[in-house]
Amino acid sequence: MKKSLFLLVFGIGAVTILLSTSSCNRGSGCPMNDSAHVQPDKKGNYPRSKTKSGLFPKGVYKKGK
């Protein structure tokens, strides 16, 4: 009985610690989130044109077909 209670308390404590900590550095943010945003150029302007991902063939992007 004591062993199962100890394992239960230890398991809950381990899960709580794992969920409360972060793998990101404090103050700098996560590298995964940083790469998801569009970066401005040297003058601080954002690009106005949309890029094509290459997911679909070229014929899909053409207007009128």
N, C-alpha and C. Protein backbone atom coordinates (compact mmCIF):
# COMPACT_ATOMS: atom_id res chain seq x y z
N MET A 1 0.83 -1.19 0.00
CA MET A 1 0.00 0.00 0.00
C MET A 1 0.87 1.25 0.00
N LYS A 2 1.89 1.29 0.84
CA LYS A 2 2.75 2.45 0.91
C LYS A 2 3.55 2.64 -0.39
N LYS A 3 3.93 1.52 -1.00
CA LYS A 3 4.72 1.60 -2.23
C LYS A 3 3.88 2.18 -3.36
N SER A 4 2.63 1.77 -3.49
CA SER A 4 1.78 2.30 -4.55
C SER A 4 1.44 3.77 -4.32
N LEU A 5 1.27 4.16 -3.06
CA LEU A 5 1.02 5.57 -2.74
C LEU A 5 2.25 6.42 -3.07
N PHE A 6 3.44 5.91 -2.75
CA PHE A 6 4.67 6.61 -3.07
C PHE A 6 4.84 6.77 -4.58
N LEU A 7 4.56 5.71 -5.33
CA LEU A 7 4.68 5.79 -6.79
C LEU A 7 3.67 6.76 -7.38
N LEU A 8 2.47 6.81 -6.82
CA LEU A 8 1.45 7.74 -7.29
C LEU A 8 1.87 9.19 -7.03
N VAL A 9 2.35 9.48 -5.84
CA VAL A 9 2.79 10.84 -5.49
C VAL A 9 4.01 11.21 -6.33
N PHE A 10 4.95 10.29 -6.49
CA PHE A 10 6.14 10.54 -7.29
C PHE A 10 5.76 10.80 -8.76
N GLY A 11 4.84 10.02 -9.29
CA GLY A 11 4.40 10.20 -10.67
C GLY A 11 3.70 11.54 -10.89
N ILE A 12 2.84 11.92 -9.97
CA ILE A 12 2.15 13.21 -10.09
C ILE A 12 3.15 14.35 -9.98
N GLY A 13 4.12 14.24 -9.09
CA GLY A 13 5.16 15.26 -8.96
C GLY A 13 6.02 15.37 -10.21
N ALA A 14 6.39 14.23 -10.79
CA ALA A 14 7.21 14.24 -12.00
C ALA A 14 6.46 14.86 -13.17
N VAL A 15 5.19 14.54 -13.33
CA VAL A 15 4.38 15.11 -14.41
C VAL A 15 4.21 16.61 -14.21
N THR A 16 4.00 17.03 -12.98
CA THR A 16 3.85 18.46 -12.69
C THR A 16 5.12 19.23 -13.03
N ILE A 17 6.27 18.70 -12.68
CA ILE A 17 7.55 19.36 -12.98
C ILE A 17 7.78 19.41 -14.48
N LEU A 18 7.50 18.33 -15.19
CA LEU A 18 7.71 18.29 -16.63
C LEU A 18 6.81 19.27 -17.37
N LEU A 19 5.58 19.43 -16.91
CA LEU A 19 4.66 20.33 -17.58
C LEU A 19 4.89 21.79 -17.22
N SER A 20 5.50 22.05 -16.09
CA SER A 20 5.71 23.44 -15.67
C SER A 20 6.99 24.04 -16.23
N THR A 21 7.92 23.23 -16.70
CA THR A 21 9.17 23.75 -17.26
C THR A 21 9.03 23.90 -18.76
N SER A 22 9.86 24.78 -19.32
CA SER A 22 9.82 25.05 -20.75
C SER A 22 11.19 24.75 -21.35
N SER A 23 11.21 24.36 -22.62
CA SER A 23 12.46 24.09 -23.29
C SER A 23 13.03 25.34 -23.95
N CYS A 24 12.33 26.46 -23.86
CA CYS A 24 12.78 27.71 -24.47
C CYS A 24 13.56 28.54 -23.47
N ASN A 25 14.50 29.33 -23.97
CA ASN A 25 15.26 30.23 -23.12
C ASN A 25 14.39 31.41 -22.71
N ARG A 26 14.56 31.87 -21.50
CA ARG A 26 13.78 33.01 -21.02
C ARG A 26 14.27 34.28 -21.71
N GLY A 27 13.33 35.10 -22.15
CA GLY A 27 13.66 36.39 -22.74
C GLY A 27 13.99 36.35 -24.22
N SER A 28 14.34 35.19 -24.75
CA SER A 28 14.70 35.14 -26.16
C SER A 28 13.63 34.49 -27.03
N GLY A 29 12.74 33.73 -26.45
CA GLY A 29 11.69 33.07 -27.21
C GLY A 29 12.15 31.75 -27.78
N CYS A 30 11.23 31.05 -28.40
CA CYS A 30 11.54 29.76 -29.00
C CYS A 30 12.02 29.93 -30.43
N PRO A 31 13.04 29.21 -30.85
CA PRO A 31 13.49 29.30 -32.24
C PRO A 31 12.42 28.83 -33.22
N MET A 32 11.58 27.91 -32.79
CA MET A 32 10.52 27.42 -33.67
C MET A 32 9.54 28.54 -34.01
N ASN A 33 9.17 29.35 -33.03
CA ASN A 33 8.23 30.44 -33.27
C ASN A 33 8.88 31.60 -34.02
N ASP A 34 10.18 31.82 -33.83
CA ASP A 34 10.86 32.91 -34.51
C ASP A 34 10.91 32.69 -36.02
N SER A 35 11.08 31.47 -36.46
CA SER A 35 11.19 31.20 -37.90
C SER A 35 9.84 31.23 -38.59
N ALA A 36 8.74 31.23 -37.85
CA ALA A 36 7.42 31.21 -38.45
C ALA A 36 6.94 32.58 -38.89
N HIS A 37 7.60 33.64 -38.44
CA HIS A 37 7.18 35.00 -38.76
C HIS A 37 7.99 35.56 -39.92
N VAL A 38 7.40 36.47 -40.66
CA VAL A 38 8.08 37.11 -41.78
C VAL A 38 9.07 38.13 -41.22
N GLN A 39 10.30 38.10 -41.72
CA GLN A 39 11.32 39.02 -41.26
C GLN A 39 11.35 40.27 -42.13
N PRO A 40 11.47 41.45 -41.55
CA PRO A 40 11.57 42.68 -42.35
C PRO A 40 12.95 42.80 -42.99
N ASP A 41 13.05 43.61 -44.05
CA ASP A 41 14.34 43.84 -44.70
C ASP A 41 15.15 44.86 -43.90
N LYS A 42 16.26 45.34 -44.47
CA LYS A 42 17.15 46.25 -43.76
C LYS A 42 16.49 47.58 -43.41
N LYS A 43 15.53 48.00 -44.22
CA LYS A 43 14.86 49.28 -43.98
C LYS A 43 13.65 49.13 -43.05
N GLY A 44 13.31 47.91 -42.66
CA GLY A 44 12.18 47.69 -41.77
C GLY A 44 10.88 47.44 -42.48
N ASN A 45 10.91 47.28 -43.81
CA ASN A 45 9.70 47.02 -44.59
C ASN A 45 9.47 45.53 -44.73
N TYR A 46 8.22 45.16 -44.74
CA TYR A 46 7.86 43.77 -44.93
C TYR A 46 7.59 43.51 -46.41
N PRO A 47 7.84 42.30 -46.89
CA PRO A 47 7.58 42.02 -48.31
C PRO A 47 6.09 42.06 -48.61
N ARG A 48 5.74 42.61 -49.78
CA ARG A 48 4.33 42.74 -50.16
C ARG A 48 3.86 41.60 -51.04
N SER A 49 4.76 40.91 -51.70
CA SER A 49 4.36 39.82 -52.60
C SER A 49 4.22 38.52 -51.82
N LYS A 50 3.32 37.69 -52.28
CA LYS A 50 3.12 36.39 -51.67
C LYS A 50 4.04 35.38 -52.34
N THR A 51 4.60 34.50 -51.55
CA THR A 51 5.44 33.46 -52.11
C THR A 51 4.60 32.22 -52.36
N LYS A 52 5.01 31.44 -53.32
CA LYS A 52 4.31 30.19 -53.64
C LYS A 52 5.09 29.04 -53.01
N SER A 53 4.36 28.17 -52.38
CA SER A 53 5.00 27.10 -51.64
C SER A 53 5.43 25.95 -52.53
N GLY A 54 4.89 25.84 -53.75
CA GLY A 54 5.22 24.72 -54.60
C GLY A 54 4.41 23.48 -54.26
N LEU A 55 3.35 23.67 -53.50
CA LEU A 55 2.53 22.55 -53.08
C LEU A 55 1.71 22.00 -54.26
N PHE A 56 1.23 22.91 -55.10
CA PHE A 56 0.41 22.52 -56.23
C PHE A 56 1.20 22.71 -57.52
N PRO A 57 0.82 22.03 -58.61
CA PRO A 57 1.50 22.25 -59.88
C PRO A 57 1.25 23.66 -60.41
N LYS A 58 2.09 24.10 -61.37
CA LYS A 58 2.02 25.46 -61.90
C LYS A 58 0.68 25.76 -62.56
N GLY A 59 0.05 24.78 -63.15
CA GLY A 59 -1.22 24.98 -63.83
C GLY A 59 -2.35 25.40 -62.89
N VAL A 60 -2.26 25.06 -61.65
CA VAL A 60 -3.30 25.41 -60.69
C VAL A 60 -3.25 26.91 -60.40
N TYR A 61 -2.06 27.50 -60.41
CA TYR A 61 -1.90 28.90 -60.07
C TYR A 61 -2.30 29.83 -61.22
N LYS A 62 -2.29 29.33 -62.44
CA LYS A 62 -2.61 30.17 -63.59
C LYS A 62 -4.09 30.53 -63.58
N LYS A 63 -4.37 31.80 -63.86
CA LYS A 63 -5.76 32.25 -63.90
C LYS A 63 -6.36 31.89 -65.25
N GLY A 64 -7.62 31.51 -65.26
CA GLY A 64 -8.31 31.19 -66.50
C GLY A 64 -8.28 29.72 -66.87
N LYS A 65 -7.59 28.93 -66.13
CA LYS A 65 -7.57 27.48 -66.43
C LYS A 65 -8.17 26.70 -65.31
